[in-house]
Amino acid sequence: MRKIEIGNDQKIVRHKLPARLSHWLLVICFFTTGLSGLAFFFPDFAWLTDILGTPQIARFVHPFTGLIMFVAFVNLCLIYWRHNFPEKNDWVWLKNIKEVLKGNEHAVSDNGKYNLGQKMLFWTLILAMFTLLATGIIMWRQYFAHNFPIPVIRIAILLHSLSAFLLFTGIMVHMYMAFWVKGSIRGMVEGWVTVRWAKKHHPRWWREELLPELEKELADKQRTK
């Protein structure tokens, strides 16, 4: 059998179609829900409700797009939860954060599919999203708010605002990192990255999960020739 050669420019799957669809549905709902929520909270941004037509339409749409965003997020959690538990290597990543920020992550940390920063974001978003759901239901005047006393609603408004800020901050960091790490956006748009990208940013993911599958696939192709 000929030696199996895997080029660094070979494409490998990073995100499958169901994950990509959920991700971009979440993105759309995040901006729709977030911008309308910002307009409700800060009067100076009231003009943002014009994006949805009128303030009345925005107030009606806000909770429903929030629910869709939550469902899309839960689907992503079900797909990726097993990759986001802390591991011993994550502390190596954290101790060498200066090198990571310099772009030398591959030299100081043997990352799996996600590094510690991505895992921290994952659990932060879980906390924010579930809090937003619970408090949003309490605040939803049309259907649920009348079942709760005023003090509970006030606490819900406070927690909802804090969680929204946490979610917004986390998403902004996520967007920045996606642009900063070249190839990441393509992975979520088209679903693939190169072998070179995987080796540099997530070497253990490449070595333990992708390489055996790719070698087996290429070996099967050789046998059928």
C-alpha atoms as a PDB file:
ATOM      1  CA  MET A   1       0.000   0.000   0.000  1.00  0.00           C
ATOM      2  CA  ARG A   2       1.290   3.451  -0.879  1.00  0.00           C
ATOM      3  CA  LYS A   3       2.119   5.859   1.911  1.00  0.00           C
ATOM      4  CA  ILE A   4      -0.858   8.067   2.735  1.00  0.00           C
ATOM      5  CA  GLU A   5      -0.013  11.732   2.274  1.00  0.00           C
ATOM      6  CA  ILE A   6      -2.199  14.473   3.691  1.00  0.00           C
ATOM      7  CA  GLY A   7      -1.448  17.966   2.412  1.00  0.00           C
ATOM      8  CA  ASN A   8      -1.729  21.017   4.655  1.00  0.00           C
ATOM      9  CA  ASP A   9      -4.139  22.655   2.229  1.00  0.00           C
ATOM     10  CA  GLN A  10      -6.590  19.766   2.303  1.00  0.00           C
ATOM     11  CA  LYS A  11     -10.091  20.737   3.441  1.00  0.00           C
ATOM     12  CA  ILE A  12     -11.571  19.173   6.576  1.00  0.00           C
ATOM     13  CA  VAL A  13     -14.994  19.635   8.152  1.00  0.00           C
ATOM     14  CA  ARG A  14     -15.122  22.018  11.110  1.00  0.00           C
ATOM     15  CA  HIS A  15     -18.877  22.668  11.399  1.00  0.00           C
ATOM     16  CA  LYS A  16     -21.587  20.542   9.814  1.00  0.00           C
ATOM     17  CA  LEU A  17     -24.667  22.058   8.160  1.00  0.00           C
ATOM     18  CA  PRO A  18     -27.108  21.717  11.133  1.00  0.00           C
ATOM     19  CA  ALA A  19     -24.664  23.592  13.387  1.00  0.00           C
ATOM     20  CA  ARG A  20     -24.095  26.310  10.782  1.00  0.00           C
ATOM     21  CA  LEU A  21     -27.825  26.834  10.220  1.00  0.00           C
ATOM     22  CA  SER A  22     -28.453  27.107  13.971  1.00  0.00           C
ATOM     23  CA  HIS A  23     -25.524  29.495  14.339  1.00  0.00           C
ATOM     24  CA  TRP A  24     -26.690  31.914  11.659  1.00  0.00           C
ATOM     25  CA  LEU A  25     -30.310  31.738  12.825  1.00  0.00           C
ATOM     26  CA  LEU A  26     -29.000  32.660  16.270  1.00  0.00           C
ATOM     27  CA  VAL A  27     -27.021  35.555  14.776  1.00  0.00           C
ATOM     28  CA  ILE A  28     -30.076  36.981  12.996  1.00  0.00           C
ATOM     29  CA  CYS A  29     -32.229  36.691  16.107  1.00  0.00           C
ATOM     30  CA  PHE A  30     -29.462  38.107  18.299  1.00  0.00           C
ATOM     31  CA  PHE A  31     -29.343  41.342  16.326  1.00  0.00           C
ATOM     32  CA  THR A  32     -33.135  41.583  15.996  1.00  0.00           C
ATOM     33  CA  THR A  33     -33.724  40.915  19.694  1.00  0.00           C
ATOM     34  CA  GLY A  34     -30.668  42.794  20.918  1.00  0.00           C
ATOM     35  CA  LEU A  35     -31.242  45.994  18.962  1.00  0.00           C
ATOM     36  CA  SER A  36     -34.916  46.183  19.912  1.00  0.00           C
ATOM     37  CA  GLY A  37     -34.008  45.478  23.557  1.00  0.00           C
ATOM     38  CA  LEU A  38     -31.386  48.231  23.447  1.00  0.00           C
ATOM     39  CA  ALA A  39     -34.040  50.631  22.177  1.00  0.00           C
ATOM     40  CA  PHE A  40     -36.386  49.713  25.037  1.00  0.00           C
ATOM     41  CA  PHE A  41     -33.692  50.166  27.679  1.00  0.00           C
ATOM     42  CA  PHE A  42     -32.062  53.370  26.393  1.00  0.00           C
ATOM     43  CA  PRO A  43     -34.443  56.069  25.061  1.00  0.00           C
ATOM     44  CA  ASP A  44     -31.615  57.575  22.977  1.00  0.00           C
ATOM     45  CA  PHE A  45     -31.669  54.397  20.877  1.00  0.00           C
ATOM     46  CA  ALA A  46     -35.435  54.376  20.359  1.00  0.00           C
ATOM     47  CA  TRP A  47     -34.884  54.995  16.647  1.00  0.00           C
ATOM     48  CA  LEU A  48     -33.630  51.394  16.365  1.00  0.00           C
ATOM     49  CA  THR A  49     -37.224  50.165  16.599  1.00  0.00           C
ATOM     50  CA  ASP A  50     -37.794  51.691  13.151  1.00  0.00           C
ATOM     51  CA  ILE A  51     -35.795  48.755  11.768  1.00  0.00           C
ATOM     52  CA  LEU A  52     -38.793  46.546  12.555  1.00  0.00           C
ATOM     53  CA  GLY A  53     -41.336  49.156  11.467  1.00  0.00           C
ATOM     54  CA  THR A  54     -42.752  50.711  14.634  1.00  0.00           C
ATOM     55  CA  PRO A  55     -42.093  50.534  18.398  1.00  0.00           C
ATOM     56  CA  GLN A  56     -45.268  48.477  18.774  1.00  0.00           C
ATOM     57  CA  ILE A  57     -44.091  45.896  16.242  1.00  0.00           C
ATOM     58  CA  ALA A  58     -40.651  45.810  17.857  1.00  0.00           C
ATOM     59  CA  ARG A  59     -42.142  45.202  21.303  1.00  0.00           C
ATOM     60  CA  PHE A  60     -44.285  42.391  19.895  1.00  0.00           C
ATOM     61  CA  VAL A  61     -41.444  40.770  17.913  1.00  0.00           C
ATOM     62  CA  HIS A  62     -38.752  41.049  20.624  1.00  0.00           C
ATOM     63  CA  PRO A  63     -39.848  38.120  22.834  1.00  0.00           C
ATOM     64  CA  PHE A  64     -40.581  35.811  19.912  1.00  0.00           C
ATOM     65  CA  THR A  65     -37.177  36.329  18.260  1.00  0.00           C
ATOM     66  CA  GLY A  66     -35.687  35.846  21.727  1.00  0.00           C
ATOM     67  CA  LEU A  67     -37.375  32.447  21.970  1.00  0.00           C
ATOM     68  CA  ILE A  68     -36.131  31.440  18.517  1.00  0.00           C
ATOM     69  CA  MET A  69     -32.631  32.558  19.504  1.00  0.00           C
ATOM     70  CA  PHE A  70     -32.833  30.398  22.625  1.00  0.00           C
ATOM     71  CA  VAL A  71     -33.942  27.317  20.657  1.00  0.00           C
ATOM     72  CA  ALA A  72     -31.120  27.804  18.129  1.00  0.00           C
ATOM     73  CA  PHE A  73     -28.645  28.172  20.989  1.00  0.00           C
ATOM     74  CA  VAL A  74     -29.880  25.003  22.715  1.00  0.00           C
ATOM     75  CA  ASN A  75     -29.384  23.090  19.460  1.00  0.00           C
ATOM     76  CA  LEU A  76     -25.779  24.319  19.306  1.00  0.00           C
ATOM     77  CA  CYS A  77     -25.290  23.289  22.934  1.00  0.00           C
ATOM     78  CA  LEU A  78     -26.505  19.768  22.163  1.00  0.00           C
ATOM     79  CA  ILE A  79     -24.031  19.550  19.280  1.00  0.00           C
ATOM     80  CA  TYR A  80     -20.979  20.982  21.057  1.00  0.00           C
ATOM     81  CA  TRP A  81     -21.387  20.422  24.812  1.00  0.00           C
ATOM     82  CA  ARG A  82     -19.001  17.452  24.996  1.00  0.00           C
ATOM     83  CA  HIS A  83     -16.155  19.553  23.566  1.00  0.00           C
ATOM     84  CA  ASN A  84     -16.517  22.306  26.161  1.00  0.00           C
ATOM     85  CA  PHE A  85     -15.636  20.706  29.473  1.00  0.00           C
ATOM     86  CA  PRO A  86     -12.473  22.055  31.157  1.00  0.00           C
ATOM     87  CA  GLU A  87      -9.359  19.888  30.794  1.00  0.00           C
ATOM     88  CA  LYS A  88      -5.891  19.887  32.302  1.00  0.00           C
ATOM     89  CA  ASN A  89      -4.397  21.411  29.161  1.00  0.00           C
ATOM     90  CA  ASP A  90      -6.699  24.421  29.457  1.00  0.00           C
ATOM     91  CA  TRP A  91      -4.669  25.760  32.376  1.00  0.00           C
ATOM     92  CA  VAL A  92      -1.552  25.609  30.208  1.00  0.00           C
ATOM     93  CA  TRP A  93      -3.420  27.790  27.700  1.00  0.00           C
ATOM     94  CA  LEU A  94      -4.365  30.243  30.456  1.00  0.00           C
ATOM     95  CA  LYS A  95      -0.837  30.410  31.917  1.00  0.00           C
ATOM     96  CA  ASN A  96       0.510  31.267  28.465  1.00  0.00           C
ATOM     97  CA  ILE A  97      -2.218  33.729  27.523  1.00  0.00           C
ATOM     98  CA  LYS A  98       0.366  36.336  26.443  1.00  0.00           C
ATOM     99  CA  GLU A  99       1.749  33.967  23.814  1.00  0.00           C
ATOM    100  CA  VAL A 100      -1.779  33.066  22.760  1.00  0.00           C
ATOM    101  CA  LEU A 101      -2.564  36.737  22.160  1.00  0.00           C
ATOM    102  CA  LYS A 102       0.644  37.070  20.148  1.00  0.00           C
ATOM    103  CA  GLY A 103      -0.568  34.324  17.807  1.00  0.00           C
ATOM    104  CA  ASN A 104       1.710  31.616  19.199  1.00  0.00           C
ATOM    105  CA  GLU A 105      -1.070  29.459  20.613  1.00  0.00           C
ATOM    106  CA  HIS A 106       0.205  26.395  18.754  1.00  0.00           C
ATOM    107  CA  ALA A 107       3.569  26.661  20.513  1.00  0.00           C
ATOM    108  CA  VAL A 108       2.273  26.719  24.095  1.00  0.00           C
ATOM    109  CA  SER A 109      -0.968  24.739  24.188  1.00  0.00           C
ATOM    110  CA  ASP A 110      -2.212  21.411  22.807  1.00  0.00           C
ATOM    111  CA  ASN A 111      -5.853  22.389  22.236  1.00  0.00           C
ATOM    112  CA  GLY A 112      -8.705  20.051  21.465  1.00  0.00           C
ATOM    113  CA  LYS A 113     -11.624  21.259  19.348  1.00  0.00           C
ATOM    114  CA  TYR A 114     -11.985  24.350  21.550  1.00  0.00           C
ATOM    115  CA  ASN A 115      -9.558  26.279  23.737  1.00  0.00           C
ATOM    116  CA  LEU A 116     -10.275  27.581  27.241  1.00  0.00           C
ATOM    117  CA  GLY A 117     -11.393  30.979  25.977  1.00  0.00           C
ATOM    118  CA  GLN A 118     -14.005  29.376  23.749  1.00  0.00           C
ATOM    119  CA  LYS A 119     -15.137  27.099  26.582  1.00  0.00           C
ATOM    120  CA  MET A 120     -15.496  30.036  28.977  1.00  0.00           C
ATOM    121  CA  LEU A 121     -17.602  31.820  26.372  1.00  0.00           C
ATOM    122  CA  PHE A 122     -19.754  28.702  25.922  1.00  0.00           C
ATOM    123  CA  TRP A 123     -20.648  28.478  29.632  1.00  0.00           C
ATOM    124  CA  THR A 124     -21.058  32.243  29.940  1.00  0.00           C
ATOM    125  CA  LEU A 125     -23.584  32.216  27.109  1.00  0.00           C
ATOM    126  CA  ILE A 126     -25.448  29.317  28.711  1.00  0.00           C
ATOM    127  CA  LEU A 127     -25.790  31.305  31.946  1.00  0.00           C
ATOM    128  CA  ALA A 128     -26.898  34.424  30.085  1.00  0.00           C
ATOM    129  CA  MET A 129     -29.345  32.679  27.755  1.00  0.00           C
ATOM    130  CA  PHE A 130     -31.153  30.681  30.439  1.00  0.00           C
ATOM    131  CA  THR A 131     -31.409  33.738  32.681  1.00  0.00           C
ATOM    132  CA  LEU A 132     -32.770  35.776  29.783  1.00  0.00           C
ATOM    133  CA  LEU A 133     -35.375  33.105  29.090  1.00  0.00           C
ATOM    134  CA  ALA A 134     -36.575  32.851  32.701  1.00  0.00           C
ATOM    135  CA  THR A 135     -36.665  36.599  33.323  1.00  0.00           C
ATOM    136  CA  GLY A 136     -38.137  37.302  29.902  1.00  0.00           C
ATOM    137  CA  ILE A 137     -41.088  35.045  30.624  1.00  0.00           C
ATOM    138  CA  ILE A 138     -41.693  36.817  33.947  1.00  0.00           C
ATOM    139  CA  MET A 139     -41.591  40.200  32.185  1.00  0.00           C
ATOM    140  CA  TRP A 140     -43.794  39.178  29.234  1.00  0.00           C
ATOM    141  CA  ARG A 141     -46.805  41.399  29.907  1.00  0.00           C
ATOM    142  CA  GLN A 142     -49.077  39.927  27.259  1.00  0.00           C
ATOM    143  CA  TYR A 143     -49.003  36.404  28.689  1.00  0.00           C
ATOM    144  CA  PHE A 144     -47.207  35.963  32.016  1.00  0.00           C
ATOM    145  CA  ALA A 145     -46.379  39.172  33.908  1.00  0.00           C
ATOM    146  CA  HIS A 146     -49.807  39.334  35.588  1.00  0.00           C
ATOM    147  CA  ASN A 147     -48.973  36.101  37.436  1.00  0.00           C
ATOM    148  CA  PHE A 148     -46.055  37.683  39.322  1.00  0.00           C
ATOM    149  CA  PRO A 149     -45.888  40.372  42.014  1.00  0.00           C
ATOM    150  CA  ILE A 150     -44.303  43.726  41.166  1.00  0.00           C
ATOM    151  CA  PRO A 151     -41.095  43.107  43.230  1.00  0.00           C
ATOM    152  CA  VAL A 152     -40.452  39.872  41.315  1.00  0.00           C
ATOM    153  CA  ILE A 153     -40.939  41.648  37.998  1.00  0.00           C
ATOM    154  CA  ARG A 154     -38.514  44.393  39.039  1.00  0.00           C
ATOM    155  CA  ILE A 155     -35.856  41.838  39.966  1.00  0.00           C
ATOM    156  CA  ALA A 156     -36.508  40.070  36.655  1.00  0.00           C
ATOM    157  CA  ILE A 157     -35.990  43.337  34.755  1.00  0.00           C
ATOM    158  CA  LEU A 158     -32.667  43.896  36.534  1.00  0.00           C
ATOM    159  CA  LEU A 159     -31.420  40.349  35.896  1.00  0.00           C
ATOM    160  CA  HIS A 160     -32.658  40.475  32.303  1.00  0.00           C
ATOM    161  CA  SER A 161     -30.679  43.662  31.679  1.00  0.00           C
ATOM    162  CA  LEU A 162     -27.512  42.301  33.304  1.00  0.00           C
ATOM    163  CA  SER A 163     -27.773  39.037  31.359  1.00  0.00           C
ATOM    164  CA  ALA A 164     -28.351  40.927  28.114  1.00  0.00           C
ATOM    165  CA  PHE A 165     -25.186  42.943  28.777  1.00  0.00           C
ATOM    166  CA  LEU A 166     -23.288  39.701  29.509  1.00  0.00           C
ATOM    167  CA  LEU A 167     -24.593  38.111  26.313  1.00  0.00           C
ATOM    168  CA  PHE A 168     -23.803  41.191  24.222  1.00  0.00           C
ATOM    169  CA  THR A 169     -20.263  41.407  25.611  1.00  0.00           C
ATOM    170  CA  GLY A 170     -19.647  37.696  25.034  1.00  0.00           C
ATOM    171  CA  ILE A 171     -20.905  37.855  21.450  1.00  0.00           C
ATOM    172  CA  MET A 172     -18.765  40.916  20.703  1.00  0.00           C
ATOM    173  CA  VAL A 173     -15.660  39.096  21.991  1.00  0.00           C
ATOM    174  CA  HIS A 174     -16.649  36.070  19.914  1.00  0.00           C
ATOM    175  CA  MET A 175     -17.002  38.203  16.780  1.00  0.00           C
ATOM    176  CA  TYR A 176     -13.658  39.893  17.356  1.00  0.00           C
ATOM    177  CA  MET A 177     -11.881  36.556  17.788  1.00  0.00           C
ATOM    178  CA  ALA A 178     -13.573  35.169  14.692  1.00  0.00           C
ATOM    179  CA  PHE A 179     -12.131  37.997  12.595  1.00  0.00           C
ATOM    180  CA  TRP A 180      -8.763  37.857  14.379  1.00  0.00           C
ATOM    181  CA  VAL A 181      -8.193  34.134  13.766  1.00  0.00           C
ATOM    182  CA  LYS A 182      -8.063  33.912   9.979  1.00  0.00           C
ATOM    183  CA  GLY A 183     -10.129  31.042   8.595  1.00  0.00           C
ATOM    184  CA  SER A 184     -12.608  30.874  11.488  1.00  0.00           C
ATOM    185  CA  ILE A 185     -15.419  32.676   9.676  1.00  0.00           C
ATOM    186  CA  ARG A 186     -15.020  30.495   6.610  1.00  0.00           C
ATOM    187  CA  GLY A 187     -15.361  27.470   8.903  1.00  0.00           C
ATOM    188  CA  MET A 188     -18.795  28.659  10.012  1.00  0.00           C
ATOM    189  CA  VAL A 189     -19.903  29.907   6.580  1.00  0.00           C
ATOM    190  CA  GLU A 190     -18.714  27.067   4.361  1.00  0.00           C
ATOM    191  CA  GLY A 191     -18.112  24.469   7.067  1.00  0.00           C
ATOM    192  CA  TRP A 192     -14.476  23.649   6.336  1.00  0.00           C
ATOM    193  CA  VAL A 193     -10.977  24.619   7.411  1.00  0.00           C
ATOM    194  CA  THR A 194      -7.601  23.454   6.158  1.00  0.00           C
ATOM    195  CA  VAL A 195      -5.356  20.857   7.750  1.00  0.00           C
ATOM    196  CA  ARG A 196      -2.849  23.658   8.360  1.00  0.00           C
ATOM    197  CA  TRP A 197      -5.458  25.645  10.313  1.00  0.00           C
ATOM    198  CA  ALA A 198      -6.382  22.654  12.465  1.00  0.00           C
ATOM    199  CA  LYS A 199      -2.745  21.821  13.233  1.00  0.00           C
ATOM    200  CA  LYS A 200      -2.016  25.399  14.280  1.00  0.00           C
ATOM    201  CA  HIS A 201      -5.071  26.250  16.368  1.00  0.00           C
ATOM    202  CA  HIS A 202      -6.413  22.887  17.563  1.00  0.00           C
ATOM    203  CA  PRO A 203      -3.604  20.324  17.211  1.00  0.00           C
ATOM    204  CA  ARG A 204      -5.048  17.681  19.563  1.00  0.00           C
ATOM    205  CA  TRP A 205      -8.401  17.854  17.793  1.00  0.00           C
ATOM    206  CA  TRP A 206      -6.547  17.276  14.532  1.00  0.00           C
ATOM    207  CA  ARG A 207      -4.334  14.515  15.916  1.00  0.00           C
ATOM    208  CA  GLU A 208      -6.890  12.514  17.924  1.00  0.00           C
ATOM    209  CA  GLU A 209     -10.167  13.020  16.055  1.00  0.00           C
ATOM    210  CA  LEU A 210      -9.575  14.110  12.479  1.00  0.00           C
ATOM    211  CA  LEU A 211      -6.336  12.398  11.456  1.00  0.00           C
ATOM    212  CA  PRO A 212      -7.468   8.797  12.186  1.00  0.00           C
ATOM    213  CA  GLU A 213     -10.725   9.358  10.279  1.00  0.00           C
ATOM    214  CA  LEU A 214      -8.943  10.977   7.345  1.00  0.00           C
ATOM    215  CA  GLU A 215      -6.300   8.239   7.167  1.00  0.00           C
ATOM    216  CA  LYS A 216      -9.014   5.579   7.180  1.00  0.00           C
ATOM    217  CA  GLU A 217     -10.970   7.406   4.475  1.00  0.00           C
ATOM    218  CA  LEU A 218      -7.901   7.787   2.242  1.00  0.00           C
ATOM    219  CA  ALA A 219      -6.855   4.186   2.844  1.00  0.00           C
ATOM    220  CA  ASP A 220     -10.305   2.986   1.762  1.00  0.00           C
ATOM    221  CA  LYS A 221     -10.034   5.063  -1.394  1.00  0.00           C
ATOM    222  CA  GLN A 222      -6.632   3.539  -2.192  1.00  0.00           C
ATOM    223  CA  ARG A 223      -7.978   0.021  -1.794  1.00  0.00           C
ATOM    224  CA  THR A 224     -10.830   0.673  -4.185  1.00  0.00           C
ATOM    225  CA  LYS A 225      -8.540   1.957  -6.946  1.00  0.00           C
END
